[in-house]
Amino acid sequence: MKYERIAITERAKEIVEKLKEAHGDLIFHQSGGCCDGSAPMIFEEGDMYLDDSDVLLGQLVGVNYYMNQDQFEYWKHTHLTVDITEGRGSSFSLEIPLGLRFIIQSRILTEEENAALNP
């Protein structure tokens, strides 16, 4: 069985699709405490500098989802679900002008998921 570290709600998917239509190729990057804390932020591809310290967790709606290695060490035993809520965050993420912000719902990985994802 294939396990994943990330998922996305239907409502958040709709917003990502809307942002893709308006901005083209995108990336998610989970902040390491700046601005809105550990919030998922979405940017036009190329607007966020990524390097070897960024970990690709997977894709959501065709959008790569990254997290810095240091942050990943805190989150590697959790499953993350990206959701959307009303209210302006204090980041540069593309959904902010819509009066929305992405948020994370997390849960601890099951023993099976942890064994597969963190061998």
C-alpha atoms as a PDB file:
ATOM      1  CA  MET A   1       0.000   0.000   0.000  1.00  0.00           C
ATOM      2  CA  LYS A   2       1.218   3.501  -0.843  1.00  0.00           C
ATOM      3  CA  TYR A   3       1.135   6.062   1.955  1.00  0.00           C
ATOM      4  CA  GLU A   4       1.225   9.829   1.542  1.00  0.00           C
ATOM      5  CA  ARG A   5       2.301  12.604   3.870  1.00  0.00           C
ATOM      6  CA  ILE A   6      -0.131  15.211   2.552  1.00  0.00           C
ATOM      7  CA  ALA A   7      -3.740  15.582   1.435  1.00  0.00           C
ATOM      8  CA  ILE A   8      -6.073  18.453   0.576  1.00  0.00           C
ATOM      9  CA  THR A   9      -9.748  19.159   1.218  1.00  0.00           C
ATOM     10  CA  GLU A  10     -12.211  19.637  -1.636  1.00  0.00           C
ATOM     11  CA  ARG A  11     -12.709  23.320  -0.809  1.00  0.00           C
ATOM     12  CA  ALA A  12      -8.960  23.938  -0.765  1.00  0.00           C
ATOM     13  CA  LYS A  13      -8.664  22.099  -4.119  1.00  0.00           C
ATOM     14  CA  GLU A  14     -11.156  24.540  -5.636  1.00  0.00           C
ATOM     15  CA  ILE A  15      -9.063  27.510  -4.484  1.00  0.00           C
ATOM     16  CA  VAL A  16      -5.843  25.964  -5.826  1.00  0.00           C
ATOM     17  CA  GLU A  17      -7.513  25.416  -9.214  1.00  0.00           C
ATOM     18  CA  LYS A  18      -8.697  29.039  -9.226  1.00  0.00           C
ATOM     19  CA  LEU A  19      -5.176  30.231  -8.391  1.00  0.00           C
ATOM     20  CA  LYS A  20      -3.671  28.014 -11.112  1.00  0.00           C
ATOM     21  CA  GLU A  21      -6.021  29.594 -13.670  1.00  0.00           C
ATOM     22  CA  ALA A  22      -4.978  33.084 -12.584  1.00  0.00           C
ATOM     23  CA  HIS A  23      -1.246  32.531 -12.006  1.00  0.00           C
ATOM     24  CA  GLY A  24      -0.108  29.447 -13.935  1.00  0.00           C
ATOM     25  CA  ASP A  25       2.298  26.947 -12.390  1.00  0.00           C
ATOM     26  CA  LEU A  26       2.438  27.084  -8.591  1.00  0.00           C
ATOM     27  CA  ILE A  27       4.276  25.609  -5.609  1.00  0.00           C
ATOM     28  CA  PHE A  28       3.286  25.130  -1.986  1.00  0.00           C
ATOM     29  CA  HIS A  29       5.850  25.801   0.712  1.00  0.00           C
ATOM     30  CA  GLN A  30       5.130  25.288   4.379  1.00  0.00           C
ATOM     31  CA  SER A  31       6.513  28.183   6.332  1.00  0.00           C
ATOM     32  CA  GLY A  32       8.935  27.578   9.145  1.00  0.00           C
ATOM     33  CA  GLY A  33       7.388  30.041  11.567  1.00  0.00           C
ATOM     34  CA  CYS A  34       7.522  33.332   9.684  1.00  0.00           C
ATOM     35  CA  CYS A  35       4.347  35.346   9.164  1.00  0.00           C
ATOM     36  CA  ASP A  36       1.476  32.947   9.896  1.00  0.00           C
ATOM     37  CA  GLY A  37       3.549  30.377  11.747  1.00  0.00           C
ATOM     38  CA  SER A  38       3.731  26.953  10.128  1.00  0.00           C
ATOM     39  CA  ALA A  39       1.224  27.774   7.423  1.00  0.00           C
ATOM     40  CA  PRO A  40       1.113  26.373   3.908  1.00  0.00           C
ATOM     41  CA  MET A  41       1.744  29.154   1.420  1.00  0.00           C
ATOM     42  CA  ILE A  42       1.273  29.026  -2.338  1.00  0.00           C
ATOM     43  CA  PHE A  43       3.403  30.965  -4.798  1.00  0.00           C
ATOM     44  CA  GLU A  44       3.941  31.217  -8.521  1.00  0.00           C
ATOM     45  CA  GLU A  45       6.597  28.707  -9.480  1.00  0.00           C
ATOM     46  CA  GLY A  46       9.933  30.531  -9.467  1.00  0.00           C
ATOM     47  CA  ASP A  47       8.851  33.156  -6.909  1.00  0.00           C
ATOM     48  CA  MET A  48      10.068  31.063  -3.981  1.00  0.00           C
ATOM     49  CA  TYR A  49      13.737  30.158  -3.761  1.00  0.00           C
ATOM     50  CA  LEU A  50      14.146  26.447  -3.160  1.00  0.00           C
ATOM     51  CA  ASP A  51      17.446  24.709  -2.451  1.00  0.00           C
ATOM     52  CA  ASP A  52      18.791  21.335  -1.356  1.00  0.00           C
ATOM     53  CA  SER A  53      17.423  21.891   2.151  1.00  0.00           C
ATOM     54  CA  ASP A  54      13.810  21.828   0.908  1.00  0.00           C
ATOM     55  CA  VAL A  55      11.997  18.478   1.055  1.00  0.00           C
ATOM     56  CA  LEU A  56       9.330  17.586  -1.507  1.00  0.00           C
ATOM     57  CA  LEU A  57       6.468  15.986   0.439  1.00  0.00           C
ATOM     58  CA  GLY A  58       4.309  15.263  -2.601  1.00  0.00           C
ATOM     59  CA  GLN A  59       1.834  16.933  -4.921  1.00  0.00           C
ATOM     60  CA  LEU A  60      -1.603  18.391  -4.310  1.00  0.00           C
ATOM     61  CA  VAL A  61      -3.749  19.131  -7.365  1.00  0.00           C
ATOM     62  CA  GLY A  62      -0.589  18.951  -9.487  1.00  0.00           C
ATOM     63  CA  VAL A  63       1.247  21.452  -7.252  1.00  0.00           C
ATOM     64  CA  ASN A  64       4.487  20.383  -5.564  1.00  0.00           C
ATOM     65  CA  TYR A  65       4.446  20.769  -1.769  1.00  0.00           C
ATOM     66  CA  TYR A  66       7.775  21.603  -0.094  1.00  0.00           C
ATOM     67  CA  MET A  67       8.989  22.059   3.451  1.00  0.00           C
ATOM     68  CA  ASN A  68      12.433  23.042   4.693  1.00  0.00           C
ATOM     69  CA  GLN A  69      14.461  20.126   6.097  1.00  0.00           C
ATOM     70  CA  ASP A  70      14.625  21.702   9.580  1.00  0.00           C
ATOM     71  CA  GLN A  71      10.838  22.066   9.656  1.00  0.00           C
ATOM     72  CA  PHE A  72      10.427  18.555   8.232  1.00  0.00           C
ATOM     73  CA  GLU A  73      12.257  17.117  11.230  1.00  0.00           C
ATOM     74  CA  TYR A  74       9.406  18.416  13.441  1.00  0.00           C
ATOM     75  CA  TRP A  75       6.636  17.265  11.106  1.00  0.00           C
ATOM     76  CA  LYS A  76       7.942  13.962   9.692  1.00  0.00           C
ATOM     77  CA  HIS A  77       5.745  11.853  12.001  1.00  0.00           C
ATOM     78  CA  THR A  78       2.536  13.618  10.965  1.00  0.00           C
ATOM     79  CA  HIS A  79       0.077  13.487   8.102  1.00  0.00           C
ATOM     80  CA  LEU A  80      -0.873  16.967   6.880  1.00  0.00           C
ATOM     81  CA  THR A  81      -4.154  17.995   5.284  1.00  0.00           C
ATOM     82  CA  VAL A  82      -4.305  21.403   3.618  1.00  0.00           C
ATOM     83  CA  ASP A  83      -7.589  23.212   4.162  1.00  0.00           C
ATOM     84  CA  ILE A  84      -8.801  26.756   3.595  1.00  0.00           C
ATOM     85  CA  THR A  85     -10.463  29.191   5.981  1.00  0.00           C
ATOM     86  CA  GLU A  86     -11.821  32.696   5.781  1.00  0.00           C
ATOM     87  CA  GLY A  87      -9.703  35.541   7.016  1.00  0.00           C
ATOM     88  CA  ARG A  88      -6.613  37.310   5.836  1.00  0.00           C
ATOM     89  CA  GLY A  89      -3.339  35.822   6.894  1.00  0.00           C
ATOM     90  CA  SER A  90      -0.170  37.839   7.212  1.00  0.00           C
ATOM     91  CA  SER A  91       1.825  36.192   4.445  1.00  0.00           C
ATOM     92  CA  PHE A  92       2.567  36.706   0.769  1.00  0.00           C
ATOM     93  CA  SER A  93       0.608  33.631  -0.258  1.00  0.00           C
ATOM     94  CA  LEU A  94      -1.562  34.030  -3.379  1.00  0.00           C
ATOM     95  CA  GLU A  95      -4.893  33.253  -1.670  1.00  0.00           C
ATOM     96  CA  ILE A  96      -4.625  36.184   0.770  1.00  0.00           C
ATOM     97  CA  PRO A  97      -6.212  38.781  -1.595  1.00  0.00           C
ATOM     98  CA  LEU A  98      -9.253  36.477  -1.817  1.00  0.00           C
ATOM     99  CA  GLY A  99      -9.853  36.949   1.916  1.00  0.00           C
ATOM    100  CA  LEU A 100      -8.818  33.349   2.526  1.00  0.00           C
ATOM    101  CA  ARG A 101      -5.818  31.503   3.900  1.00  0.00           C
ATOM    102  CA  PHE A 102      -4.575  27.963   3.770  1.00  0.00           C
ATOM    103  CA  ILE A 103      -4.295  26.118   7.060  1.00  0.00           C
ATOM    104  CA  ILE A 104      -2.986  22.714   8.128  1.00  0.00           C
ATOM    105  CA  GLN A 105      -4.875  19.961   9.882  1.00  0.00           C
ATOM    106  CA  SER A 106      -2.448  17.372  11.200  1.00  0.00           C
ATOM    107  CA  ARG A 107      -2.533  13.960  12.795  1.00  0.00           C
ATOM    108  CA  ILE A 108       0.160  11.557  13.938  1.00  0.00           C
ATOM    109  CA  LEU A 109       1.036   8.893  11.363  1.00  0.00           C
ATOM    110  CA  THR A 110      -0.200   5.373  12.091  1.00  0.00           C
ATOM    111  CA  GLU A 111       2.459   2.755  12.860  1.00  0.00           C
ATOM    112  CA  GLU A 112       2.120   1.408   9.310  1.00  0.00           C
ATOM    113  CA  GLU A 113       2.398   4.865   7.720  1.00  0.00           C
ATOM    114  CA  ASN A 114       5.377   5.761   9.878  1.00  0.00           C
ATOM    115  CA  ALA A 115       7.195   2.528   9.006  1.00  0.00           C
ATOM    116  CA  ALA A 116       6.645   3.135   5.281  1.00  0.00           C
ATOM    117  CA  LEU A 117       7.393   6.877   5.248  1.00  0.00           C
ATOM    118  CA  ASN A 118      10.198   7.012   7.824  1.00  0.00           C
ATOM    119  CA  PRO A 119      12.145   3.756   7.404  1.00  0.00           C
END
